[in-house]
Amino acid sequence: MIEARELTKRYGDKTVVDNLSFTAKAGEVTGFLGPNGAGKSTTMRMIIGLDSPTRGSVTANGRSYAKHAAPLHEIGSLLEAESVHPGRSAVNHLTALAHTHGIPRRRVDEVIELAGLTSVAGKREGAFSLGMGQRLGIASALLADPAIVMLDEPVNGLDPEGVLWVRNLLRGLADEGRAVMLSSHLMSETALIADHLVIIGRGRLLADTTVDDFTREAGGGGVRVATTESRRLRSLLAGPDVTVSSSSADELLVTGRDAREIGAIAAQHGVALYELTPRAVSLEAAFMDLTRDVVEYQSGPTGTERKAA
């Protein structure tokens, strides 16, 4: 588990991380999101001891990274896939890490196979494609079989097969009881992988919630129901704090009751439903709406948009 408490980092008069508190729990994939310049990389560097907090604290499994006797066994990380010496082969790089941290040599072969690098294990890293470099970085993060895995943009440069591999890998690691922390700008992938979201902007916490709750609240809540008996169902659903509106004769929008409750009431009274959908927006749309005022680098309109205006 990763725990940040009032974590703050200043460089001169610039505050990059500002009083940030969150928890990445064991058994969950935590999506760590934010616009460019939000402080994500600085936060992750503080987690693994590459930067020191100005104030506050961050621990991995109850201790700061530096106080672990074997830190690589506690948390494996991928922050910079291109940090490997370009003259080293994949197997030499992993073997050197294993020797340094007291990891059995057989584990090198295991993570090479896991990452799909068996055919290029003897190839120099400098000749690797971006995707192969990412796979080597992930293999390095998993080398010591850590209890926590923290990855920054792990699918960068990967083909569709590689993206699916990472998705299944991270899900599997969390299901084994490990804490997985994922930073990515690919919202569609994060929505598929993450259980929990920690979203920051300009170094401050903006949201700490589940993916489902975040997208549902951004969509305004409510459940869309389609039935040919809308008038009857409306009366059956009526109650304190329940609002039912309609956009057409066969469609209702219900707030104050969840989809499970609506379905049970409809079934109990023999009302056929053709749609029962909690109203939500995509993670990308919800993220863009939340972070609109904290984007440090904001693009201008395209030529097409200017002409339309």
C-alpha atoms as a PDB file:
ATOM      1  CA  MET A   1       0.000   0.000   0.000  1.00  0.00           C
ATOM      2  CA  ILE A   2       1.138   3.540  -0.809  1.00  0.00           C
ATOM      3  CA  GLU A   3       0.103   6.277   1.619  1.00  0.00           C
ATOM      4  CA  ALA A   4       0.724   9.973   0.992  1.00  0.00           C
ATOM      5  CA  ARG A   5      -0.044  12.386   3.829  1.00  0.00           C
ATOM      6  CA  GLU A   6      -0.014  16.153   3.231  1.00  0.00           C
ATOM      7  CA  LEU A   7       2.751  15.578   0.686  1.00  0.00           C
ATOM      8  CA  THR A   8       4.263  18.854  -0.515  1.00  0.00           C
ATOM      9  CA  LYS A   9       7.169  19.634  -2.831  1.00  0.00           C
ATOM     10  CA  ARG A  10       8.468  23.101  -3.606  1.00  0.00           C
ATOM     11  CA  TYR A  11      11.250  24.165  -5.931  1.00  0.00           C
ATOM     12  CA  GLY A  12      12.123  27.699  -4.881  1.00  0.00           C
ATOM     13  CA  ASP A  13       8.885  29.674  -4.904  1.00  0.00           C
ATOM     14  CA  LYS A  14       7.074  27.150  -7.120  1.00  0.00           C
ATOM     15  CA  THR A  15       4.865  24.562  -5.402  1.00  0.00           C
ATOM     16  CA  VAL A  16       4.699  21.460  -7.591  1.00  0.00           C
ATOM     17  CA  VAL A  17       2.864  19.155  -5.152  1.00  0.00           C
ATOM     18  CA  ASP A  18       0.576  20.858  -2.664  1.00  0.00           C
ATOM     19  CA  ASN A  19      -0.666  19.147   0.524  1.00  0.00           C
ATOM     20  CA  LEU A  20      -1.513  15.940  -1.321  1.00  0.00           C
ATOM     21  CA  SER A  21      -3.029  12.986   0.568  1.00  0.00           C
ATOM     22  CA  PHE A  22      -4.195   9.701  -0.953  1.00  0.00           C
ATOM     23  CA  THR A  23      -3.921   5.916  -0.584  1.00  0.00           C
ATOM     24  CA  ALA A  24      -3.222   3.274  -3.232  1.00  0.00           C
ATOM     25  CA  LYS A  25      -4.573   0.102  -1.621  1.00  0.00           C
ATOM     26  CA  ALA A  26      -3.456  -3.501  -1.925  1.00  0.00           C
ATOM     27  CA  GLY A  27      -5.658  -5.523  -4.262  1.00  0.00           C
ATOM     28  CA  GLU A  28      -6.608  -2.505  -6.371  1.00  0.00           C
ATOM     29  CA  VAL A  29      -5.401  -0.745  -9.502  1.00  0.00           C
ATOM     30  CA  THR A  30      -5.226   2.977  -8.715  1.00  0.00           C
ATOM     31  CA  GLY A  31      -5.283   5.291 -11.711  1.00  0.00           C
ATOM     32  CA  PHE A  32      -3.120   8.332 -10.961  1.00  0.00           C
ATOM     33  CA  LEU A  33      -4.280  11.022 -13.375  1.00  0.00           C
ATOM     34  CA  GLY A  34      -3.716  14.677 -14.093  1.00  0.00           C
ATOM     35  CA  PRO A  35      -2.866  17.079 -16.925  1.00  0.00           C
ATOM     36  CA  ASN A  36       0.735  17.745 -17.941  1.00  0.00           C
ATOM     37  CA  GLY A  37       2.439  19.728 -15.188  1.00  0.00           C
ATOM     38  CA  ALA A  38       0.011  18.488 -12.517  1.00  0.00           C
ATOM     39  CA  GLY A  39       2.784  17.036 -10.320  1.00  0.00           C
ATOM     40  CA  LYS A  40       2.319  13.337 -11.087  1.00  0.00           C
ATOM     41  CA  SER A  41       5.960  12.602 -11.957  1.00  0.00           C
ATOM     42  CA  THR A  42       7.232  14.531  -8.935  1.00  0.00           C
ATOM     43  CA  THR A  43       4.855  12.599  -6.674  1.00  0.00           C
ATOM     44  CA  MET A  44       6.020   9.263  -8.062  1.00  0.00           C
ATOM     45  CA  ARG A  45       9.651  10.298  -7.693  1.00  0.00           C
ATOM     46  CA  MET A  46       9.020  11.087  -4.033  1.00  0.00           C
ATOM     47  CA  ILE A  47       7.383   7.686  -3.537  1.00  0.00           C
ATOM     48  CA  ILE A  48      10.601   5.908  -4.588  1.00  0.00           C
ATOM     49  CA  GLY A  49      12.980   8.344  -2.921  1.00  0.00           C
ATOM     50  CA  LEU A  50      14.316  10.143  -6.002  1.00  0.00           C
ATOM     51  CA  ASP A  51      13.017  13.438  -4.584  1.00  0.00           C
ATOM     52  CA  SER A  52      12.496  14.423  -0.954  1.00  0.00           C
ATOM     53  CA  PRO A  53       9.268  16.063   0.234  1.00  0.00           C
ATOM     54  CA  THR A  54       9.421  19.647   1.395  1.00  0.00           C
ATOM     55  CA  ARG A  55       6.713  18.726   3.875  1.00  0.00           C
ATOM     56  CA  GLY A  56       4.512  15.735   4.601  1.00  0.00           C
ATOM     57  CA  SER A  57       5.313  12.080   4.026  1.00  0.00           C
ATOM     58  CA  VAL A  58       4.793   9.152   1.684  1.00  0.00           C
ATOM     59  CA  THR A  59       5.267   5.488   2.589  1.00  0.00           C
ATOM     60  CA  ALA A  60       5.270   2.154   0.791  1.00  0.00           C
ATOM     61  CA  ASN A  61       3.970  -0.660   2.999  1.00  0.00           C
ATOM     62  CA  GLY A  62       4.316   1.470   6.121  1.00  0.00           C
ATOM     63  CA  ARG A  63       7.856   2.794   5.591  1.00  0.00           C
ATOM     64  CA  SER A  64       9.537   5.395   3.460  1.00  0.00           C
ATOM     65  CA  TYR A  65      11.357   3.877   0.499  1.00  0.00           C
ATOM     66  CA  ALA A  66      14.812   4.585   1.927  1.00  0.00           C
ATOM     67  CA  LYS A  67      14.052   2.761   5.187  1.00  0.00           C
ATOM     68  CA  HIS A  68      13.280  -0.573   3.521  1.00  0.00           C
ATOM     69  CA  ALA A  69      16.133  -3.062   3.769  1.00  0.00           C
ATOM     70  CA  ALA A  70      15.269  -4.377   0.283  1.00  0.00           C
ATOM     71  CA  PRO A  71      13.227  -1.626  -1.367  1.00  0.00           C
ATOM     72  CA  LEU A  72      13.033  -3.310  -4.782  1.00  0.00           C
ATOM     73  CA  HIS A  73      11.142  -6.174  -3.116  1.00  0.00           C
ATOM     74  CA  GLU A  74       8.594  -3.695  -1.750  1.00  0.00           C
ATOM     75  CA  ILE A  75       7.923  -1.533  -4.791  1.00  0.00           C
ATOM     76  CA  GLY A  76       8.814  -2.044  -8.424  1.00  0.00           C
ATOM     77  CA  SER A  77       8.535   1.012 -10.642  1.00  0.00           C
ATOM     78  CA  LEU A  78       8.743   2.147 -14.238  1.00  0.00           C
ATOM     79  CA  LEU A  79       9.208   5.894 -14.566  1.00  0.00           C
ATOM     80  CA  GLU A  80      11.685   6.183 -17.442  1.00  0.00           C
ATOM     81  CA  ALA A  81      11.803   3.216 -19.826  1.00  0.00           C
ATOM     82  CA  GLU A  82      14.849   4.686 -21.590  1.00  0.00           C
ATOM     83  CA  SER A  83      17.028   4.779 -18.452  1.00  0.00           C
ATOM     84  CA  VAL A  84      18.731   1.498 -19.438  1.00  0.00           C
ATOM     85  CA  HIS A  85      22.293   1.737 -20.789  1.00  0.00           C
ATOM     86  CA  PRO A  86      21.898   1.374 -24.585  1.00  0.00           C
ATOM     87  CA  GLY A  87      24.927  -0.906 -24.839  1.00  0.00           C
ATOM     88  CA  ARG A  88      23.520  -3.516 -22.463  1.00  0.00           C
ATOM     89  CA  SER A  89      21.374  -6.409 -23.582  1.00  0.00           C
ATOM     90  CA  ALA A  90      18.065  -7.061 -21.882  1.00  0.00           C
ATOM     91  CA  VAL A  91      19.404 -10.107 -20.084  1.00  0.00           C
ATOM     92  CA  ASN A  92      22.557  -8.295 -18.932  1.00  0.00           C
ATOM     93  CA  HIS A  93      20.571  -5.361 -17.613  1.00  0.00           C
ATOM     94  CA  LEU A  94      18.221  -7.600 -15.638  1.00  0.00           C
ATOM     95  CA  THR A  95      21.067  -9.819 -14.423  1.00  0.00           C
ATOM     96  CA  ALA A  96      22.947  -6.793 -13.083  1.00  0.00           C
ATOM     97  CA  LEU A  97      19.824  -5.664 -11.216  1.00  0.00           C
ATOM     98  CA  ALA A  98      19.331  -9.160  -9.830  1.00  0.00           C
ATOM     99  CA  HIS A  99      22.936  -9.412  -8.551  1.00  0.00           C
ATOM    100  CA  THR A 100      22.721  -5.966  -6.957  1.00  0.00           C
ATOM    101  CA  HIS A 101      19.539  -6.777  -5.051  1.00  0.00           C
ATOM    102  CA  GLY A 102      20.088 -10.411  -4.145  1.00  0.00           C
ATOM    103  CA  ILE A 103      17.515 -11.769  -6.590  1.00  0.00           C
ATOM    104  CA  PRO A 104      17.955 -15.345  -7.893  1.00  0.00           C
ATOM    105  CA  ARG A 105      19.176 -15.629 -11.505  1.00  0.00           C
ATOM    106  CA  ARG A 106      16.185 -17.771 -12.459  1.00  0.00           C
ATOM    107  CA  ARG A 107      13.931 -14.757 -11.861  1.00  0.00           C
ATOM    108  CA  VAL A 108      15.642 -12.985 -14.782  1.00  0.00           C
ATOM    109  CA  ASP A 109      14.496 -15.734 -17.150  1.00  0.00           C
ATOM    110  CA  GLU A 110      10.998 -15.640 -15.662  1.00  0.00           C
ATOM    111  CA  VAL A 111      10.427 -11.918 -16.247  1.00  0.00           C
ATOM    112  CA  ILE A 112      12.010 -12.051 -19.713  1.00  0.00           C
ATOM    113  CA  GLU A 113       9.465 -14.705 -20.658  1.00  0.00           C
ATOM    114  CA  LEU A 114       6.659 -12.830 -18.908  1.00  0.00           C
ATOM    115  CA  ALA A 115       7.437  -9.654 -20.861  1.00  0.00           C
ATOM    116  CA  GLY A 116       7.671 -11.470 -24.190  1.00  0.00           C
ATOM    117  CA  LEU A 117      11.374 -10.644 -24.653  1.00  0.00           C
ATOM    118  CA  THR A 118      12.782 -14.173 -24.994  1.00  0.00           C
ATOM    119  CA  SER A 119      13.662 -13.784 -28.690  1.00  0.00           C
ATOM    120  CA  VAL A 120      15.496 -10.473 -28.111  1.00  0.00           C
ATOM    121  CA  ALA A 121      17.004 -11.140 -24.664  1.00  0.00           C
ATOM    122  CA  GLY A 122      20.549 -10.874 -26.042  1.00  0.00           C
ATOM    123  CA  LYS A 123      19.889  -7.780 -28.136  1.00  0.00           C
ATOM    124  CA  ARG A 124      21.305  -4.378 -27.123  1.00  0.00           C
ATOM    125  CA  GLU A 125      18.724  -2.068 -25.586  1.00  0.00           C
ATOM    126  CA  GLY A 126      19.865   0.729 -27.879  1.00  0.00           C
ATOM    127  CA  ALA A 127      18.436  -1.238 -30.811  1.00  0.00           C
ATOM    128  CA  PHE A 128      15.065  -1.788 -29.118  1.00  0.00           C
ATOM    129  CA  SER A 129      11.862  -0.243 -30.389  1.00  0.00           C
ATOM    130  CA  LEU A 130       9.888   1.965 -28.013  1.00  0.00           C
ATOM    131  CA  GLY A 131       7.509  -0.886 -27.254  1.00  0.00           C
ATOM    132  CA  MET A 132      10.330  -3.342 -26.546  1.00  0.00           C
ATOM    133  CA  GLY A 133      11.894  -0.774 -24.217  1.00  0.00           C
ATOM    134  CA  GLN A 134       8.587  -0.517 -22.364  1.00  0.00           C
ATOM    135  CA  ARG A 135       8.439  -4.286 -21.973  1.00  0.00           C
ATOM    136  CA  LEU A 136      11.983  -4.297 -20.571  1.00  0.00           C
ATOM    137  CA  GLY A 137      11.048  -1.520 -18.138  1.00  0.00           C
ATOM    138  CA  ILE A 138       8.047  -3.502 -16.922  1.00  0.00           C
ATOM    139  CA  ALA A 139      10.204  -6.626 -16.589  1.00  0.00           C
ATOM    140  CA  SER A 140      12.644  -4.614 -14.451  1.00  0.00           C
ATOM    141  CA  ALA A 141       9.802  -3.373 -12.241  1.00  0.00           C
ATOM    142  CA  LEU A 142       8.605  -6.950 -11.654  1.00  0.00           C
ATOM    143  CA  LEU A 143      12.064  -8.495 -11.186  1.00  0.00           C
ATOM    144  CA  ALA A 144      11.966  -8.654  -7.377  1.00  0.00           C
ATOM    145  CA  ASP A 145       8.314  -9.824  -7.299  1.00  0.00           C
ATOM    146  CA  PRO A 146       7.310  -6.655  -5.389  1.00  0.00           C
ATOM    147  CA  ALA A 147       4.222  -6.109  -3.264  1.00  0.00           C
ATOM    148  CA  ILE A 148       3.633  -2.734  -4.971  1.00  0.00           C
ATOM    149  CA  VAL A 149       3.926  -1.971  -8.691  1.00  0.00           C
ATOM    150  CA  MET A 150       4.010   1.653  -9.902  1.00  0.00           C
ATOM    151  CA  LEU A 151       4.093   2.335 -13.650  1.00  0.00           C
ATOM    152  CA  ASP A 152       4.140   5.612 -15.572  1.00  0.00           C
ATOM    153  CA  GLU A 153       2.615   5.359 -19.081  1.00  0.00           C
ATOM    154  CA  PRO A 154       3.240   1.600 -19.347  1.00  0.00           C
ATOM    155  CA  VAL A 155       1.476   1.152 -22.712  1.00  0.00           C
ATOM    156  CA  ASN A 156       3.434   3.914 -24.429  1.00  0.00           C
ATOM    157  CA  GLY A 157       4.682   2.547 -27.773  1.00  0.00           C
ATOM    158  CA  LEU A 158       3.005  -0.838 -27.422  1.00  0.00           C
ATOM    159  CA  ASP A 159       0.961  -2.445 -30.186  1.00  0.00           C
ATOM    160  CA  PRO A 160      -2.614  -3.678 -29.492  1.00  0.00           C
ATOM    161  CA  GLU A 161      -1.340  -7.074 -28.314  1.00  0.00           C
ATOM    162  CA  GLY A 162       1.051  -5.345 -25.926  1.00  0.00           C
ATOM    163  CA  VAL A 163      -1.682  -3.057 -24.608  1.00  0.00           C
ATOM    164  CA  LEU A 164      -3.889  -6.079 -23.897  1.00  0.00           C
ATOM    165  CA  TRP A 165      -0.943  -7.813 -22.212  1.00  0.00           C
ATOM    166  CA  VAL A 166      -0.377  -4.859 -19.865  1.00  0.00           C
ATOM    167  CA  ARG A 167      -4.081  -4.645 -19.091  1.00  0.00           C
ATOM    168  CA  ASN A 168      -4.289  -8.320 -18.140  1.00  0.00           C
ATOM    169  CA  LEU A 169      -0.954  -8.179 -16.294  1.00  0.00           C
ATOM    170  CA  LEU A 170      -1.982  -5.275 -14.048  1.00  0.00           C
ATOM    171  CA  ARG A 171      -5.385  -6.795 -13.368  1.00  0.00           C
ATOM    172  CA  GLY A 172      -3.712 -10.059 -12.433  1.00  0.00           C
ATOM    173  CA  LEU A 173      -1.206  -8.353 -10.123  1.00  0.00           C
ATOM    174  CA  ALA A 174      -4.018  -6.578  -8.258  1.00  0.00           C
ATOM    175  CA  ASP A 175      -6.027  -9.788  -8.032  1.00  0.00           C
ATOM    176  CA  GLU A 176      -2.999 -11.386  -6.342  1.00  0.00           C
ATOM    177  CA  GLY A 177      -3.292  -8.753  -3.603  1.00  0.00           C
ATOM    178  CA  ARG A 178      -0.664  -6.296  -4.798  1.00  0.00           C
ATOM    179  CA  ALA A 179      -1.119  -2.533  -4.874  1.00  0.00           C
ATOM    180  CA  VAL A 180      -0.880  -1.285  -8.461  1.00  0.00           C
ATOM    181  CA  MET A 181      -0.495   2.424  -9.245  1.00  0.00           C
ATOM    182  CA  LEU A 182      -0.869   3.445 -12.880  1.00  0.00           C
ATOM    183  CA  SER A 183      -0.277   6.862 -14.418  1.00  0.00           C
ATOM    184  CA  SER A 184      -1.528   7.282 -17.964  1.00  0.00           C
ATOM    185  CA  HIS A 185      -2.979   9.800 -20.382  1.00  0.00           C
ATOM    186  CA  LEU A 186      -4.963   7.047 -22.151  1.00  0.00           C
ATOM    187  CA  MET A 187      -8.319   7.448 -20.460  1.00  0.00           C
ATOM    188  CA  SER A 188      -9.978   4.560 -22.290  1.00  0.00           C
ATOM    189  CA  GLU A 189      -7.320   2.153 -21.008  1.00  0.00           C
ATOM    190  CA  THR A 190      -7.442   3.565 -17.491  1.00  0.00           C
ATOM    191  CA  ALA A 191     -11.224   3.113 -17.443  1.00  0.00           C
ATOM    192  CA  LEU A 192     -10.776  -0.564 -18.325  1.00  0.00           C
ATOM    193  CA  ILE A 193      -8.014  -1.254 -15.789  1.00  0.00           C
ATOM    194  CA  ALA A 194      -8.478   1.001 -12.756  1.00  0.00           C
ATOM    195  CA  ASP A 195     -10.615   0.305  -9.699  1.00  0.00           C
ATOM    196  CA  HIS A 196      -9.861   3.637  -8.058  1.00  0.00           C
ATOM    197  CA  LEU A 197      -8.899   7.099  -9.295  1.00  0.00           C
ATOM    198  CA  VAL A 198      -6.674   9.753  -7.765  1.00  0.00           C
ATOM    199  CA  ILE A 199      -6.806  12.889  -9.924  1.00  0.00           C
ATOM    200  CA  ILE A 200      -4.611  15.911  -9.301  1.00  0.00           C
ATOM    201  CA  GLY A 201      -4.227  19.325 -10.887  1.00  0.00           C
ATOM    202  CA  ARG A 202      -1.522  21.888 -10.158  1.00  0.00           C
ATOM    203  CA  GLY A 203      -0.302  19.616  -7.384  1.00  0.00           C
ATOM    204  CA  ARG A 204      -3.609  19.458  -5.537  1.00  0.00           C
ATOM    205  CA  LEU A 205      -6.085  16.617  -5.112  1.00  0.00           C
ATOM    206  CA  LEU A 206      -9.146  17.038  -7.343  1.00  0.00           C
ATOM    207  CA  ALA A 207     -10.816  13.643  -6.954  1.00  0.00           C
ATOM    208  CA  ASP A 208     -10.334  10.444  -4.948  1.00  0.00           C
ATOM    209  CA  THR A 209     -13.057   8.022  -5.975  1.00  0.00           C
ATOM    210  CA  THR A 210     -13.980   4.952  -8.016  1.00  0.00           C
ATOM    211  CA  VAL A 211     -14.175   5.047 -11.806  1.00  0.00           C
ATOM    212  CA  ASP A 212     -17.907   4.260 -11.752  1.00  0.00           C
ATOM    213  CA  ASP A 213     -18.755   6.947  -9.191  1.00  0.00           C
ATOM    214  CA  PHE A 214     -16.640   9.543 -10.981  1.00  0.00           C
ATOM    215  CA  THR A 215     -18.207   9.015 -14.405  1.00  0.00           C
ATOM    216  CA  ARG A 216     -21.711   8.648 -13.003  1.00  0.00           C
ATOM    217  CA  GLU A 217     -21.522  11.903 -11.032  1.00  0.00           C
ATOM    218  CA  ALA A 218     -20.047  13.694 -14.038  1.00  0.00           C
ATOM    219  CA  GLY A 219     -22.972  12.475 -16.130  1.00  0.00           C
ATOM    220  CA  GLY A 220     -25.455  14.031 -13.747  1.00  0.00           C
ATOM    221  CA  GLY A 221     -26.592  10.767 -12.193  1.00  0.00           C
ATOM    222  CA  GLY A 222     -29.875   9.057 -12.777  1.00  0.00           C
ATOM    223  CA  VAL A 223     -30.931   5.955 -14.670  1.00  0.00           C
ATOM    224  CA  ARG A 224     -32.347   5.867 -18.200  1.00  0.00           C
ATOM    225  CA  VAL A 225     -35.296   3.468 -18.496  1.00  0.00           C
ATOM    226  CA  ALA A 226     -37.139   2.473 -21.670  1.00  0.00           C
ATOM    227  CA  THR A 227     -40.571   0.797 -21.470  1.00  0.00           C
ATOM    228  CA  THR A 228     -43.896   0.856 -23.276  1.00  0.00           C
ATOM    229  CA  GLU A 229     -45.568   1.225 -19.845  1.00  0.00           C
ATOM    230  CA  SER A 230     -43.830   4.449 -18.836  1.00  0.00           C
ATOM    231  CA  ARG A 231     -46.911   5.998 -17.210  1.00  0.00           C
ATOM    232  CA  ARG A 232     -47.490   2.938 -15.009  1.00  0.00           C
ATOM    233  CA  LEU A 233     -43.811   2.589 -14.117  1.00  0.00           C
ATOM    234  CA  ARG A 234     -43.626   6.267 -13.189  1.00  0.00           C
ATOM    235  CA  SER A 235     -46.295   5.794 -10.540  1.00  0.00           C
ATOM    236  CA  LEU A 236     -44.649   2.603  -9.235  1.00  0.00           C
ATOM    237  CA  LEU A 237     -41.296   4.370  -8.804  1.00  0.00           C
ATOM    238  CA  ALA A 238     -42.715   7.448  -7.071  1.00  0.00           C
ATOM    239  CA  GLY A 239     -41.463   8.123  -3.571  1.00  0.00           C
ATOM    240  CA  PRO A 240     -39.616  10.585  -1.300  1.00  0.00           C
ATOM    241  CA  ASP A 241     -36.528  12.053  -2.989  1.00  0.00           C
ATOM    242  CA  VAL A 242     -37.350  10.279  -6.276  1.00  0.00           C
ATOM    243  CA  THR A 243     -37.612  12.325  -9.466  1.00  0.00           C
ATOM    244  CA  VAL A 244     -38.903  10.867 -12.729  1.00  0.00           C
ATOM    245  CA  SER A 245     -38.822  12.859 -15.968  1.00  0.00           C
ATOM    246  CA  SER A 246     -39.267  11.836 -19.586  1.00  0.00           C
ATOM    247  CA  SER A 247     -37.813  12.843 -22.931  1.00  0.00           C
ATOM    248  CA  SER A 248     -40.234  10.695 -24.971  1.00  0.00           C
ATOM    249  CA  ALA A 249     -43.320   8.572 -24.451  1.00  0.00           C
ATOM    250  CA  ASP A 250     -41.294   5.396 -23.905  1.00  0.00           C
ATOM    251  CA  GLU A 251     -38.296   6.745 -21.985  1.00  0.00           C
ATOM    252  CA  LEU A 252     -37.859   7.829 -18.376  1.00  0.00           C
ATOM    253  CA  LEU A 253     -34.960   9.381 -16.503  1.00  0.00           C
ATOM    254  CA  VAL A 254     -35.049   8.361 -12.852  1.00  0.00           C
ATOM    255  CA  THR A 255     -33.033   9.885 -10.015  1.00  0.00           C
ATOM    256  CA  GLY A 256     -33.254   8.738  -6.408  1.00  0.00           C
ATOM    257  CA  ARG A 257     -33.367   5.013  -7.238  1.00  0.00           C
ATOM    258  CA  ASP A 258     -30.521   2.912  -8.659  1.00  0.00           C
ATOM    259  CA  ALA A 259     -30.796   0.495 -11.593  1.00  0.00           C
ATOM    260  CA  ARG A 260     -31.039  -2.593  -9.366  1.00  0.00           C
ATOM    261  CA  GLU A 261     -33.950  -1.135  -7.417  1.00  0.00           C
ATOM    262  CA  ILE A 262     -35.777   0.006 -10.560  1.00  0.00           C
ATOM    263  CA  GLY A 263     -35.359  -3.404 -12.184  1.00  0.00           C
ATOM    264  CA  ALA A 264     -36.677  -5.176  -9.081  1.00  0.00           C
ATOM    265  CA  ILE A 265     -39.769  -2.949  -8.896  1.00  0.00           C
ATOM    266  CA  ALA A 266     -40.460  -3.425 -12.616  1.00  0.00           C
ATOM    267  CA  ALA A 267     -40.091  -7.220 -12.362  1.00  0.00           C
ATOM    268  CA  GLN A 268     -42.314  -7.386  -9.279  1.00  0.00           C
ATOM    269  CA  HIS A 269     -45.135  -5.666 -11.179  1.00  0.00           C
ATOM    270  CA  GLY A 270     -44.606  -7.338 -14.552  1.00  0.00           C
ATOM    271  CA  VAL A 271     -43.373  -4.221 -16.378  1.00  0.00           C
ATOM    272  CA  ALA A 272     -41.152  -5.105 -19.343  1.00  0.00           C
ATOM    273  CA  LEU A 273     -38.009  -2.965 -19.648  1.00  0.00           C
ATOM    274  CA  TYR A 274     -36.083  -2.485 -22.905  1.00  0.00           C
ATOM    275  CA  GLU A 275     -33.313  -0.345 -21.442  1.00  0.00           C
ATOM    276  CA  LEU A 276     -32.005   0.135 -17.913  1.00  0.00           C
ATOM    277  CA  THR A 277     -28.829   2.215 -18.061  1.00  0.00           C
ATOM    278  CA  PRO A 278     -27.149   4.268 -15.322  1.00  0.00           C
ATOM    279  CA  ARG A 279     -26.406   7.626 -16.913  1.00  0.00           C
ATOM    280  CA  ALA A 280     -22.690   8.356 -17.087  1.00  0.00           C
ATOM    281  CA  VAL A 281     -20.115   9.917 -19.380  1.00  0.00           C
ATOM    282  CA  SER A 282     -16.774   8.556 -20.525  1.00  0.00           C
ATOM    283  CA  LEU A 283     -13.796   8.847 -18.205  1.00  0.00           C
ATOM    284  CA  GLU A 284     -12.136  11.110 -20.748  1.00  0.00           C
ATOM    285  CA  ALA A 285     -15.092  13.533 -20.826  1.00  0.00           C
ATOM    286  CA  ALA A 286     -15.371  13.555 -17.033  1.00  0.00           C
ATOM    287  CA  PHE A 287     -11.627  14.113 -16.670  1.00  0.00           C
ATOM    288  CA  MET A 288     -11.610  16.977 -19.176  1.00  0.00           C
ATOM    289  CA  ASP A 289     -14.485  18.655 -17.387  1.00  0.00           C
ATOM    290  CA  LEU A 290     -12.862  18.314 -13.956  1.00  0.00           C
ATOM    291  CA  THR A 291      -9.430  19.545 -15.030  1.00  0.00           C
ATOM    292  CA  ARG A 292     -10.527  22.323 -17.414  1.00  0.00           C
ATOM    293  CA  ASP A 293      -9.404  25.092 -15.054  1.00  0.00           C
ATOM    294  CA  VAL A 294      -6.091  23.504 -14.009  1.00  0.00           C
ATOM    295  CA  VAL A 295      -4.584  22.686 -17.410  1.00  0.00           C
ATOM    296  CA  GLU A 296      -1.165  24.312 -17.570  1.00  0.00           C
ATOM    297  CA  TYR A 297      -0.694  23.879 -21.339  1.00  0.00           C
ATOM    298  CA  GLN A 298      -3.959  24.444 -23.195  1.00  0.00           C
ATOM    299  CA  SER A 299      -4.246  24.135 -26.966  1.00  0.00           C
ATOM    300  CA  GLY A 300      -5.955  26.764 -29.040  1.00  0.00           C
ATOM    301  CA  PRO A 301      -8.801  26.060 -31.499  1.00  0.00           C
ATOM    302  CA  THR A 302      -8.045  24.279 -34.753  1.00  0.00           C
ATOM    303  CA  GLY A 303      -8.459  25.983 -38.070  1.00  0.00           C
ATOM    304  CA  THR A 304     -11.748  24.160 -38.609  1.00  0.00           C
ATOM    305  CA  GLU A 305     -13.053  25.365 -35.248  1.00  0.00           C
ATOM    306  CA  ARG A 306     -12.075  28.960 -36.037  1.00  0.00           C
ATOM    307  CA  LYS A 307     -13.920  28.845 -39.367  1.00  0.00           C
ATOM    308  CA  ALA A 308     -16.983  27.337 -37.678  1.00  0.00           C
ATOM    309  CA  ALA A 309     -16.965  30.127 -35.126  1.00  0.00           C
END
